[in-house]
Amino acid sequence: MVKALVLDPILGEAYRKLAQHYHFLISPNRPATPRHKGKVENGVNYVKRNFFAGQEFVDLERANLRLKAWVMETAGVREHGTTHQAPLKLFRELEQAALQGLPVESFDLHDIRMAKVHSDCHIVVDGSFYSVPHTLVGSEVEVHVHERVIEIYAHHELVRTHCRATQKGQWRTEMEDYPPSKAQYLLKTPQFCLKLALRMGPHTHQVVEYLLADRPLDRLRSVQAILALAESVGEKRLEAACRRALYYGDPHYRRIKDILNAALDREPLPDQTMVAPSLQGFAFSRKPREFFEHHPGGQP
């Protein structure tokens, strides 16, 4: 209980859910007034002094069996100090018929806390990271921490469920939680980029292979940016630019982009010779010697 106000108690969410699950009424007493619940506390002391005192149990199952026998043979048949009746007899005659059946599933006790959604669309719970829809970035969400799952609520509505991480530092991410543009970007894994580059051409593939060979995760953004250049210049020009960058030993994004901006991808490499236009189909109308022959009378 968060605040034990008699007229309007403020309940902890976990306790409220427990009461809701088992359909019982929460009736708080005034704080710091133990006399208001003395009869209830006396029952607890009776069990501790009469049953638990001097007892040792091998496991919970045997303890429950012995406790059940104690209730049926000792506590339940004694004369109660207030009612002056046997509790077990009173229970069977008046109370048992009013009880509801227990739920099919037992209550899953869990922790409830608040967490802020960071700019990377994740919250942090016990040192692990869980994704939340990007529309909630910057807001606080309610996190229900179960033994095996994490439930995330926003404005009392369940927005995401994750399997709970087994150790600190793990990430639980649903790609649909990212904005569409970022999700599409992150889906381009190293394997995807290599396959796409091979389709564009051998030199583009060689550049991507070179960059991903060392620190692939660090260079993945650079590779994605190189492949994205094909959207504006076309795969053919990108292939030529990659070939030129490889020739000069600088197959990186900035160099490839500079080559494209300067249109150097259209220029031949130094070890390539320009192919001269074909002269086939052209001929002089007169033979060269005719220009130097002398005709009678000194006229050419």
C-alpha atoms as a PDB file:
ATOM      1  CA  MET A   1       0.000   0.000   0.000  1.00  0.00           C
ATOM      2  CA  VAL A   2       1.396   3.378  -1.009  1.00  0.00           C
ATOM      3  CA  LYS A   3      -0.600   5.431   1.503  1.00  0.00           C
ATOM      4  CA  ALA A   4      -2.904   3.949   4.160  1.00  0.00           C
ATOM      5  CA  LEU A   5      -5.698   6.527   4.186  1.00  0.00           C
ATOM      6  CA  VAL A   6      -8.808   5.070   5.817  1.00  0.00           C
ATOM      7  CA  LEU A   7     -11.336   6.841   3.584  1.00  0.00           C
ATOM      8  CA  ASP A   8      -9.402   6.792   0.324  1.00  0.00           C
ATOM      9  CA  PRO A   9      -6.393   4.420   0.434  1.00  0.00           C
ATOM     10  CA  ILE A  10      -3.740   4.676  -2.272  1.00  0.00           C
ATOM     11  CA  LEU A  11      -2.853   1.127  -3.265  1.00  0.00           C
ATOM     12  CA  GLY A  12       0.346  -0.218  -4.713  1.00  0.00           C
ATOM     13  CA  GLU A  13      -0.312  -1.614  -8.181  1.00  0.00           C
ATOM     14  CA  ALA A  14       0.965  -5.110  -7.361  1.00  0.00           C
ATOM     15  CA  TYR A  15      -1.235  -5.323  -4.239  1.00  0.00           C
ATOM     16  CA  ARG A  16      -4.240  -3.988  -6.153  1.00  0.00           C
ATOM     17  CA  LYS A  17      -3.780  -6.671  -8.818  1.00  0.00           C
ATOM     18  CA  LEU A  18      -3.478  -9.359  -6.130  1.00  0.00           C
ATOM     19  CA  ALA A  19      -6.824  -8.291  -4.658  1.00  0.00           C
ATOM     20  CA  GLN A  20      -8.366  -8.126  -8.108  1.00  0.00           C
ATOM     21  CA  HIS A  21      -7.088 -11.613  -8.972  1.00  0.00           C
ATOM     22  CA  TYR A  22      -8.465 -13.268  -5.806  1.00  0.00           C
ATOM     23  CA  HIS A  23     -11.536 -10.988  -5.456  1.00  0.00           C
ATOM     24  CA  PHE A  24     -10.934  -9.835  -1.900  1.00  0.00           C
ATOM     25  CA  LEU A  25     -11.603  -6.468  -0.279  1.00  0.00           C
ATOM     26  CA  ILE A  26      -8.735  -4.314   0.956  1.00  0.00           C
ATOM     27  CA  SER A  27      -9.744  -2.622   4.198  1.00  0.00           C
ATOM     28  CA  PRO A  28      -6.812  -0.622   5.635  1.00  0.00           C
ATOM     29  CA  ASN A  29      -6.451   0.479   9.253  1.00  0.00           C
ATOM     30  CA  ARG A  30      -5.129   3.802  10.404  1.00  0.00           C
ATOM     31  CA  PRO A  31      -1.314   3.918  10.338  1.00  0.00           C
ATOM     32  CA  ALA A  32       0.584   3.542  13.633  1.00  0.00           C
ATOM     33  CA  THR A  33      -2.510   2.249  15.487  1.00  0.00           C
ATOM     34  CA  PRO A  34      -1.949  -1.470  16.104  1.00  0.00           C
ATOM     35  CA  ARG A  35      -4.894  -1.647  18.527  1.00  0.00           C
ATOM     36  CA  HIS A  36      -7.264  -1.372  15.563  1.00  0.00           C
ATOM     37  CA  LYS A  37      -6.219  -4.818  14.329  1.00  0.00           C
ATOM     38  CA  GLY A  38      -5.355  -6.531  17.580  1.00  0.00           C
ATOM     39  CA  LYS A  39      -7.618  -9.541  17.090  1.00  0.00           C
ATOM     40  CA  VAL A  40      -6.045 -10.332  13.731  1.00  0.00           C
ATOM     41  CA  GLU A  41      -2.538 -10.007  15.103  1.00  0.00           C
ATOM     42  CA  ASN A  42      -3.396 -12.323  18.017  1.00  0.00           C
ATOM     43  CA  GLY A  43      -4.235 -15.076  15.528  1.00  0.00           C
ATOM     44  CA  VAL A  44      -0.794 -14.743  13.970  1.00  0.00           C
ATOM     45  CA  ASN A  45       0.873 -14.944  17.387  1.00  0.00           C
ATOM     46  CA  TYR A  46      -1.168 -18.037  18.247  1.00  0.00           C
ATOM     47  CA  VAL A  47       0.088 -19.875  15.151  1.00  0.00           C
ATOM     48  CA  LYS A  48       3.677 -18.847  15.847  1.00  0.00           C
ATOM     49  CA  ARG A  49       3.604 -19.906  19.507  1.00  0.00           C
ATOM     50  CA  ASN A  50       1.471 -23.057  19.249  1.00  0.00           C
ATOM     51  CA  PHE A  51       2.485 -24.526  15.896  1.00  0.00           C
ATOM     52  CA  PHE A  52       5.865 -23.173  14.802  1.00  0.00           C
ATOM     53  CA  ALA A  53       7.569 -23.028  18.180  1.00  0.00           C
ATOM     54  CA  GLY A  54      10.206 -25.782  18.434  1.00  0.00           C
ATOM     55  CA  GLN A  55       9.362 -27.204  14.996  1.00  0.00           C
ATOM     56  CA  GLU A  56      11.715 -27.950  12.118  1.00  0.00           C
ATOM     57  CA  PHE A  57      10.577 -28.938   8.616  1.00  0.00           C
ATOM     58  CA  VAL A  58      12.477 -30.720   5.876  1.00  0.00           C
ATOM     59  CA  ASP A  59      10.554 -28.977   3.074  1.00  0.00           C
ATOM     60  CA  LEU A  60       7.433 -26.906   2.409  1.00  0.00           C
ATOM     61  CA  GLU A  61       5.308 -29.906   1.434  1.00  0.00           C
ATOM     62  CA  ARG A  62       5.807 -31.644   4.776  1.00  0.00           C
ATOM     63  CA  ALA A  63       5.276 -28.394   6.662  1.00  0.00           C
ATOM     64  CA  ASN A  64       1.917 -27.920   4.937  1.00  0.00           C
ATOM     65  CA  LEU A  65       0.838 -31.476   5.760  1.00  0.00           C
ATOM     66  CA  ARG A  66       1.643 -31.013   9.437  1.00  0.00           C
ATOM     67  CA  LEU A  67      -0.019 -27.587   9.462  1.00  0.00           C
ATOM     68  CA  LYS A  68      -3.203 -29.039   7.986  1.00  0.00           C
ATOM     69  CA  ALA A  69      -3.255 -31.753  10.647  1.00  0.00           C
ATOM     70  CA  TRP A  70      -2.721 -29.128  13.371  1.00  0.00           C
ATOM     71  CA  VAL A  71      -5.647 -27.035  12.073  1.00  0.00           C
ATOM     72  CA  MET A  72      -8.004 -30.039  11.920  1.00  0.00           C
ATOM     73  CA  GLU A  73      -6.969 -31.591  15.249  1.00  0.00           C
ATOM     74  CA  THR A  74      -5.908 -28.661  17.456  1.00  0.00           C
ATOM     75  CA  ALA A  75      -6.600 -25.094  16.329  1.00  0.00           C
ATOM     76  CA  GLY A  76      -9.915 -25.851  14.625  1.00  0.00           C
ATOM     77  CA  VAL A  77     -11.537 -27.730  17.471  1.00  0.00           C
ATOM     78  CA  ARG A  78     -10.512 -25.533  20.419  1.00  0.00           C
ATOM     79  CA  GLU A  79     -12.864 -23.018  21.963  1.00  0.00           C
ATOM     80  CA  HIS A  80     -12.088 -19.556  20.581  1.00  0.00           C
ATOM     81  CA  GLY A  81     -11.560 -16.890  23.237  1.00  0.00           C
ATOM     82  CA  THR A  82     -13.910 -14.343  21.602  1.00  0.00           C
ATOM     83  CA  THR A  83     -16.655 -16.416  19.946  1.00  0.00           C
ATOM     84  CA  HIS A  84     -16.485 -19.287  22.480  1.00  0.00           C
ATOM     85  CA  GLN A  85     -17.069 -21.666  19.601  1.00  0.00           C
ATOM     86  CA  ALA A  86     -14.845 -24.090  17.745  1.00  0.00           C
ATOM     87  CA  PRO A  87     -13.449 -22.196  14.697  1.00  0.00           C
ATOM     88  CA  LEU A  88     -13.731 -25.197  12.383  1.00  0.00           C
ATOM     89  CA  LYS A  89     -17.396 -25.778  13.311  1.00  0.00           C
ATOM     90  CA  LEU A  90     -18.233 -22.080  12.816  1.00  0.00           C
ATOM     91  CA  PHE A  91     -16.431 -22.064   9.492  1.00  0.00           C
ATOM     92  CA  ARG A  92     -18.386 -25.044   8.133  1.00  0.00           C
ATOM     93  CA  GLU A  93     -21.753 -23.758   9.300  1.00  0.00           C
ATOM     94  CA  LEU A  94     -21.513 -20.084   8.260  1.00  0.00           C
ATOM     95  CA  GLU A  95     -18.430 -19.117   6.313  1.00  0.00           C
ATOM     96  CA  GLN A  96     -17.651 -21.945   3.915  1.00  0.00           C
ATOM     97  CA  ALA A  97     -20.781 -21.471   1.796  1.00  0.00           C
ATOM     98  CA  ALA A  98     -19.939 -17.798   1.261  1.00  0.00           C
ATOM     99  CA  LEU A  99     -16.448 -18.463  -0.107  1.00  0.00           C
ATOM    100  CA  GLN A 100     -15.666 -18.172  -3.802  1.00  0.00           C
ATOM    101  CA  GLY A 101     -13.621 -20.729  -5.652  1.00  0.00           C
ATOM    102  CA  LEU A 102      -9.961 -19.987  -6.283  1.00  0.00           C
ATOM    103  CA  PRO A 103      -8.947 -18.878  -9.793  1.00  0.00           C
ATOM    104  CA  VAL A 104      -7.690 -21.588 -12.123  1.00  0.00           C
ATOM    105  CA  GLU A 105      -4.267 -19.922 -12.277  1.00  0.00           C
ATOM    106  CA  SER A 106      -2.392 -18.746  -9.216  1.00  0.00           C
ATOM    107  CA  PHE A 107      -1.355 -15.101  -8.952  1.00  0.00           C
ATOM    108  CA  ASP A 108       1.942 -14.195 -10.563  1.00  0.00           C
ATOM    109  CA  LEU A 109       3.667 -11.958  -8.041  1.00  0.00           C
ATOM    110  CA  HIS A 110       5.664  -9.280  -9.863  1.00  0.00           C
ATOM    111  CA  ASP A 111       7.327  -5.937  -9.426  1.00  0.00           C
ATOM    112  CA  ILE A 112       5.892  -2.743 -10.901  1.00  0.00           C
ATOM    113  CA  ARG A 113       8.029   0.319 -11.582  1.00  0.00           C
ATOM    114  CA  MET A 114       8.227   3.394 -13.796  1.00  0.00           C
ATOM    115  CA  ALA A 115      10.784   3.868 -16.582  1.00  0.00           C
ATOM    116  CA  LYS A 116      11.574   6.590 -19.100  1.00  0.00           C
ATOM    117  CA  VAL A 117      11.644   5.817 -22.830  1.00  0.00           C
ATOM    118  CA  HIS A 118      15.002   7.008 -24.192  1.00  0.00           C
ATOM    119  CA  SER A 119      15.690   8.427 -27.661  1.00  0.00           C
ATOM    120  CA  ASP A 120      16.772   4.991 -28.912  1.00  0.00           C
ATOM    121  CA  CYS A 121      13.209   3.706 -28.275  1.00  0.00           C
ATOM    122  CA  HIS A 122      14.299   1.557 -25.309  1.00  0.00           C
ATOM    123  CA  ILE A 123      13.821   1.514 -21.550  1.00  0.00           C
ATOM    124  CA  VAL A 124      16.320   0.111 -19.049  1.00  0.00           C
ATOM    125  CA  VAL A 125      15.191  -2.548 -16.582  1.00  0.00           C
ATOM    126  CA  ASP A 126      17.747  -4.194 -14.285  1.00  0.00           C
ATOM    127  CA  GLY A 127      20.575  -3.287 -16.659  1.00  0.00           C
ATOM    128  CA  SER A 128      18.906  -4.704 -19.794  1.00  0.00           C
ATOM    129  CA  PHE A 129      17.196  -2.878 -22.651  1.00  0.00           C
ATOM    130  CA  TYR A 130      13.642  -3.310 -23.929  1.00  0.00           C
ATOM    131  CA  SER A 131      12.118  -1.578 -26.955  1.00  0.00           C
ATOM    132  CA  VAL A 132       8.985   0.561 -26.773  1.00  0.00           C
ATOM    133  CA  PRO A 133       7.018   2.135 -29.684  1.00  0.00           C
ATOM    134  CA  HIS A 134       8.836   5.246 -30.926  1.00  0.00           C
ATOM    135  CA  THR A 135       5.761   7.410 -30.327  1.00  0.00           C
ATOM    136  CA  LEU A 136       6.463   7.122 -26.582  1.00  0.00           C
ATOM    137  CA  VAL A 137      10.037   8.481 -26.684  1.00  0.00           C
ATOM    138  CA  GLY A 138      10.536  10.927 -23.811  1.00  0.00           C
ATOM    139  CA  SER A 139       7.531   9.735 -21.802  1.00  0.00           C
ATOM    140  CA  GLU A 140       7.302   7.507 -18.732  1.00  0.00           C
ATOM    141  CA  VAL A 141       5.813   4.041 -18.930  1.00  0.00           C
ATOM    142  CA  GLU A 142       4.737   1.529 -16.319  1.00  0.00           C
ATOM    143  CA  VAL A 143       6.796  -1.646 -16.335  1.00  0.00           C
ATOM    144  CA  HIS A 144       5.501  -4.925 -14.899  1.00  0.00           C
ATOM    145  CA  VAL A 145       8.487  -7.152 -14.187  1.00  0.00           C
ATOM    146  CA  HIS A 146       7.486 -10.813 -14.075  1.00  0.00           C
ATOM    147  CA  GLU A 147       9.736 -13.815 -13.612  1.00  0.00           C
ATOM    148  CA  ARG A 148       9.880 -14.591 -17.339  1.00  0.00           C
ATOM    149  CA  VAL A 149       8.321 -11.626 -19.144  1.00  0.00           C
ATOM    150  CA  ILE A 150       8.329  -7.821 -19.101  1.00  0.00           C
ATOM    151  CA  GLU A 151       5.039  -6.002 -19.727  1.00  0.00           C
ATOM    152  CA  ILE A 152       5.104  -2.311 -20.623  1.00  0.00           C
ATOM    153  CA  TYR A 153       2.020  -0.116 -20.168  1.00  0.00           C
ATOM    154  CA  ALA A 154       1.336   3.423 -21.351  1.00  0.00           C
ATOM    155  CA  HIS A 155      -1.761   5.172 -20.007  1.00  0.00           C
ATOM    156  CA  HIS A 156      -2.995   1.832 -18.575  1.00  0.00           C
ATOM    157  CA  GLU A 157      -2.753   0.176 -22.007  1.00  0.00           C
ATOM    158  CA  LEU A 158      -0.380  -2.707 -22.732  1.00  0.00           C
ATOM    159  CA  VAL A 159       1.942  -1.530 -25.529  1.00  0.00           C
ATOM    160  CA  ARG A 160       4.715  -4.133 -25.561  1.00  0.00           C
ATOM    161  CA  THR A 161       5.598  -7.522 -24.042  1.00  0.00           C
ATOM    162  CA  HIS A 162       9.140  -8.943 -24.038  1.00  0.00           C
ATOM    163  CA  CYS A 163      10.783 -12.094 -22.776  1.00  0.00           C
ATOM    164  CA  ARG A 164      12.830 -11.055 -19.765  1.00  0.00           C
ATOM    165  CA  ALA A 165      16.577 -10.836 -20.328  1.00  0.00           C
ATOM    166  CA  THR A 166      18.631 -13.511 -18.597  1.00  0.00           C
ATOM    167  CA  GLN A 167      21.589 -11.232 -17.884  1.00  0.00           C
ATOM    168  CA  LYS A 168      22.538  -7.574 -17.799  1.00  0.00           C
ATOM    169  CA  GLY A 169      23.370  -5.794 -21.039  1.00  0.00           C
ATOM    170  CA  GLN A 170      21.024  -7.826 -23.222  1.00  0.00           C
ATOM    171  CA  TRP A 171      18.721  -6.134 -25.735  1.00  0.00           C
ATOM    172  CA  ARG A 172      15.134  -7.110 -26.464  1.00  0.00           C
ATOM    173  CA  THR A 173      14.093  -5.204 -29.585  1.00  0.00           C
ATOM    174  CA  GLU A 174      11.083  -5.285 -31.884  1.00  0.00           C
ATOM    175  CA  MET A 175      11.953  -3.592 -35.192  1.00  0.00           C
ATOM    176  CA  GLU A 176       8.421  -2.227 -35.516  1.00  0.00           C
ATOM    177  CA  ASP A 177       9.076  -0.046 -32.452  1.00  0.00           C
ATOM    178  CA  TYR A 178      11.512   2.086 -34.482  1.00  0.00           C
ATOM    179  CA  PRO A 179      10.366   4.849 -36.842  1.00  0.00           C
ATOM    180  CA  PRO A 180       9.889   3.358 -40.358  1.00  0.00           C
ATOM    181  CA  SER A 181      12.986   5.093 -41.774  1.00  0.00           C
ATOM    182  CA  LYS A 182      15.261   3.842 -39.009  1.00  0.00           C
ATOM    183  CA  ALA A 183      13.821   0.329 -39.056  1.00  0.00           C
ATOM    184  CA  GLN A 184      14.535   0.024 -42.773  1.00  0.00           C
ATOM    185  CA  TYR A 185      18.086   1.247 -42.154  1.00  0.00           C
ATOM    186  CA  LEU A 186      18.778  -1.228 -39.337  1.00  0.00           C
ATOM    187  CA  LEU A 187      17.430  -4.179 -41.319  1.00  0.00           C
ATOM    188  CA  LYS A 188      20.380  -3.839 -43.718  1.00  0.00           C
ATOM    189  CA  THR A 189      22.690  -6.285 -41.972  1.00  0.00           C
ATOM    190  CA  PRO A 190      26.282  -7.047 -43.106  1.00  0.00           C
ATOM    191  CA  GLN A 191      25.053 -10.171 -44.911  1.00  0.00           C
ATOM    192  CA  PHE A 192      22.347  -8.187 -46.691  1.00  0.00           C
ATOM    193  CA  CYS A 193      24.858  -5.495 -47.748  1.00  0.00           C
ATOM    194  CA  LEU A 194      27.299  -8.058 -49.177  1.00  0.00           C
ATOM    195  CA  LYS A 195      24.554  -9.670 -51.223  1.00  0.00           C
ATOM    196  CA  LEU A 196      23.315  -6.304 -52.515  1.00  0.00           C
ATOM    197  CA  ALA A 197      26.845  -5.157 -53.407  1.00  0.00           C
ATOM    198  CA  LEU A 198      27.520  -8.343 -55.373  1.00  0.00           C
ATOM    199  CA  ARG A 199      24.434  -7.649 -57.435  1.00  0.00           C
ATOM    200  CA  MET A 200      25.695  -4.133 -58.214  1.00  0.00           C
ATOM    201  CA  GLY A 201      29.098  -5.268 -59.427  1.00  0.00           C
ATOM    202  CA  PRO A 202      32.420  -6.937 -58.494  1.00  0.00           C
ATOM    203  CA  HIS A 203      34.169  -3.698 -57.503  1.00  0.00           C
ATOM    204  CA  THR A 204      31.274  -2.559 -55.296  1.00  0.00           C
ATOM    205  CA  HIS A 205      31.306  -5.984 -53.665  1.00  0.00           C
ATOM    206  CA  GLN A 206      35.065  -5.753 -53.146  1.00  0.00           C
ATOM    207  CA  VAL A 207      34.706  -2.380 -51.406  1.00  0.00           C
ATOM    208  CA  VAL A 208      31.968  -3.678 -49.089  1.00  0.00           C
ATOM    209  CA  GLU A 209      33.900  -6.860 -48.366  1.00  0.00           C
ATOM    210  CA  TYR A 210      37.008  -4.826 -47.520  1.00  0.00           C
ATOM    211  CA  LEU A 211      35.162  -2.532 -45.125  1.00  0.00           C
ATOM    212  CA  LEU A 212      33.272  -5.307 -43.348  1.00  0.00           C
ATOM    213  CA  ALA A 213      36.355  -7.484 -42.946  1.00  0.00           C
ATOM    214  CA  ASP A 214      37.503  -5.370 -39.980  1.00  0.00           C
ATOM    215  CA  ARG A 215      35.083  -4.130 -37.272  1.00  0.00           C
ATOM    216  CA  PRO A 216      31.926  -4.912 -39.306  1.00  0.00           C
ATOM    217  CA  LEU A 217      29.532  -3.319 -36.834  1.00  0.00           C
ATOM    218  CA  ASP A 218      31.535  -0.088 -36.698  1.00  0.00           C
ATOM    219  CA  ARG A 219      31.707   0.171 -40.488  1.00  0.00           C
ATOM    220  CA  LEU A 220      28.186  -1.000 -41.270  1.00  0.00           C
ATOM    221  CA  ARG A 221      26.844   2.566 -41.410  1.00  0.00           C
ATOM    222  CA  SER A 222      29.556   3.535 -43.898  1.00  0.00           C
ATOM    223  CA  VAL A 223      28.746   0.524 -46.079  1.00  0.00           C
ATOM    224  CA  GLN A 224      25.036   1.317 -45.990  1.00  0.00           C
ATOM    225  CA  ALA A 225      25.794   4.908 -47.025  1.00  0.00           C
ATOM    226  CA  ILE A 226      27.928   3.735 -49.971  1.00  0.00           C
ATOM    227  CA  LEU A 227      25.204   1.426 -51.256  1.00  0.00           C
ATOM    228  CA  ALA A 228      22.640   4.195 -50.829  1.00  0.00           C
ATOM    229  CA  LEU A 229      24.581   6.294 -53.371  1.00  0.00           C
ATOM    230  CA  ALA A 230      23.206   4.037 -56.106  1.00  0.00           C
ATOM    231  CA  GLU A 231      19.761   5.498 -55.481  1.00  0.00           C
ATOM    232  CA  SER A 232      20.919   8.894 -56.820  1.00  0.00           C
ATOM    233  CA  VAL A 233      23.626   8.015 -59.385  1.00  0.00           C
ATOM    234  CA  GLY A 234      22.705   4.475 -60.414  1.00  0.00           C
ATOM    235  CA  GLU A 235      24.485   1.177 -59.911  1.00  0.00           C
ATOM    236  CA  LYS A 236      26.704   1.570 -63.007  1.00  0.00           C
ATOM    237  CA  ARG A 237      28.267   4.838 -61.857  1.00  0.00           C
ATOM    238  CA  LEU A 238      28.688   3.532 -58.303  1.00  0.00           C
ATOM    239  CA  GLU A 239      30.487   0.476 -59.666  1.00  0.00           C
ATOM    240  CA  ALA A 240      32.846   2.718 -61.670  1.00  0.00           C
ATOM    241  CA  ALA A 241      33.493   4.944 -58.644  1.00  0.00           C
ATOM    242  CA  CYS A 242      34.286   1.916 -56.471  1.00  0.00           C
ATOM    243  CA  ARG A 243      36.689   0.668 -59.134  1.00  0.00           C
ATOM    244  CA  ARG A 244      38.511   4.017 -59.126  1.00  0.00           C
ATOM    245  CA  ALA A 245      38.621   4.171 -55.312  1.00  0.00           C
ATOM    246  CA  LEU A 246      40.115   0.669 -55.181  1.00  0.00           C
ATOM    247  CA  TYR A 247      42.705   1.604 -57.815  1.00  0.00           C
ATOM    248  CA  TYR A 248      43.931   4.500 -55.667  1.00  0.00           C
ATOM    249  CA  GLY A 249      43.786   2.441 -52.445  1.00  0.00           C
ATOM    250  CA  ASP A 250      41.104   4.488 -50.682  1.00  0.00           C
ATOM    251  CA  PRO A 251      37.812   2.532 -50.793  1.00  0.00           C
ATOM    252  CA  HIS A 252      35.909   4.600 -48.242  1.00  0.00           C
ATOM    253  CA  TYR A 253      32.627   6.461 -48.364  1.00  0.00           C
ATOM    254  CA  ARG A 254      34.045   9.999 -48.532  1.00  0.00           C
ATOM    255  CA  ARG A 255      36.430   9.152 -51.400  1.00  0.00           C
ATOM    256  CA  ILE A 256      33.720   7.360 -53.391  1.00  0.00           C
ATOM    257  CA  LYS A 257      31.321  10.266 -52.918  1.00  0.00           C
ATOM    258  CA  ASP A 258      34.005  12.780 -54.013  1.00  0.00           C
ATOM    259  CA  ILE A 259      34.649  10.740 -57.162  1.00  0.00           C
ATOM    260  CA  LEU A 260      30.953  10.814 -58.026  1.00  0.00           C
ATOM    261  CA  ASN A 261      30.584  14.526 -57.250  1.00  0.00           C
ATOM    262  CA  ALA A 262      33.507  15.348 -59.562  1.00  0.00           C
ATOM    263  CA  ALA A 263      32.266  12.891 -62.205  1.00  0.00           C
ATOM    264  CA  LEU A 264      35.676  11.202 -62.126  1.00  0.00           C
ATOM    265  CA  ASP A 265      33.937   7.837 -62.431  1.00  0.00           C
ATOM    266  CA  ARG A 266      33.529   8.714 -66.116  1.00  0.00           C
ATOM    267  CA  GLU A 267      37.258   9.289 -66.594  1.00  0.00           C
ATOM    268  CA  PRO A 268      39.599   6.430 -67.598  1.00  0.00           C
ATOM    269  CA  LEU A 269      42.142   5.124 -65.144  1.00  0.00           C
ATOM    270  CA  PRO A 270      45.855   5.797 -65.916  1.00  0.00           C
ATOM    271  CA  ASP A 271      46.514   2.289 -67.177  1.00  0.00           C
ATOM    272  CA  GLN A 272      43.615   2.531 -69.592  1.00  0.00           C
ATOM    273  CA  THR A 273      44.075   4.053 -73.076  1.00  0.00           C
ATOM    274  CA  MET A 274      41.443   6.099 -74.790  1.00  0.00           C
ATOM    275  CA  VAL A 275      39.834   4.308 -77.676  1.00  0.00           C
ATOM    276  CA  ALA A 276      40.196   6.583 -80.736  1.00  0.00           C
ATOM    277  CA  PRO A 277      37.115   7.067 -82.867  1.00  0.00           C
ATOM    278  CA  SER A 278      37.067   4.736 -85.847  1.00  0.00           C
ATOM    279  CA  LEU A 279      38.075   6.280 -89.203  1.00  0.00           C
ATOM    280  CA  GLN A 280      36.542   3.482 -91.181  1.00  0.00           C
ATOM    281  CA  GLY A 281      34.208   4.796 -93.884  1.00  0.00           C
ATOM    282  CA  PHE A 282      36.186   7.993 -94.485  1.00  0.00           C
ATOM    283  CA  ALA A 283      38.723   8.553 -97.414  1.00  0.00           C
ATOM    284  CA  PHE A 284      40.335  11.377 -99.309  1.00  0.00           C
ATOM    285  CA  SER A 285      38.594  12.110-102.606  1.00  0.00           C
ATOM    286  CA  ARG A 286      41.993  12.651-104.296  1.00  0.00           C
ATOM    287  CA  LYS A 287      45.250  10.847-103.889  1.00  0.00           C
ATOM    288  CA  PRO A 288      48.053  12.830-102.115  1.00  0.00           C
ATOM    289  CA  ARG A 289      50.456  12.694-105.130  1.00  0.00           C
ATOM    290  CA  GLU A 290      47.954  14.570-107.252  1.00  0.00           C
ATOM    291  CA  PHE A 291      48.597  17.732-105.212  1.00  0.00           C
ATOM    292  CA  PHE A 292      52.268  17.751-106.158  1.00  0.00           C
ATOM    293  CA  GLU A 293      52.161  16.852-109.881  1.00  0.00           C
ATOM    294  CA  HIS A 294      53.079  19.569-112.458  1.00  0.00           C
ATOM    295  CA  HIS A 295      51.025  19.934-115.579  1.00  0.00           C
ATOM    296  CA  PRO A 296      52.191  21.497-118.904  1.00  0.00           C
ATOM    297  CA  GLY A 297      52.152  25.258-118.895  1.00  0.00           C
ATOM    298  CA  GLY A 298      53.039  25.418-115.218  1.00  0.00           C
ATOM    299  CA  GLN A 299      49.453  24.943-114.112  1.00  0.00           C
ATOM    300  CA  PRO A 300      48.868  22.382-111.494  1.00  0.00           C
END
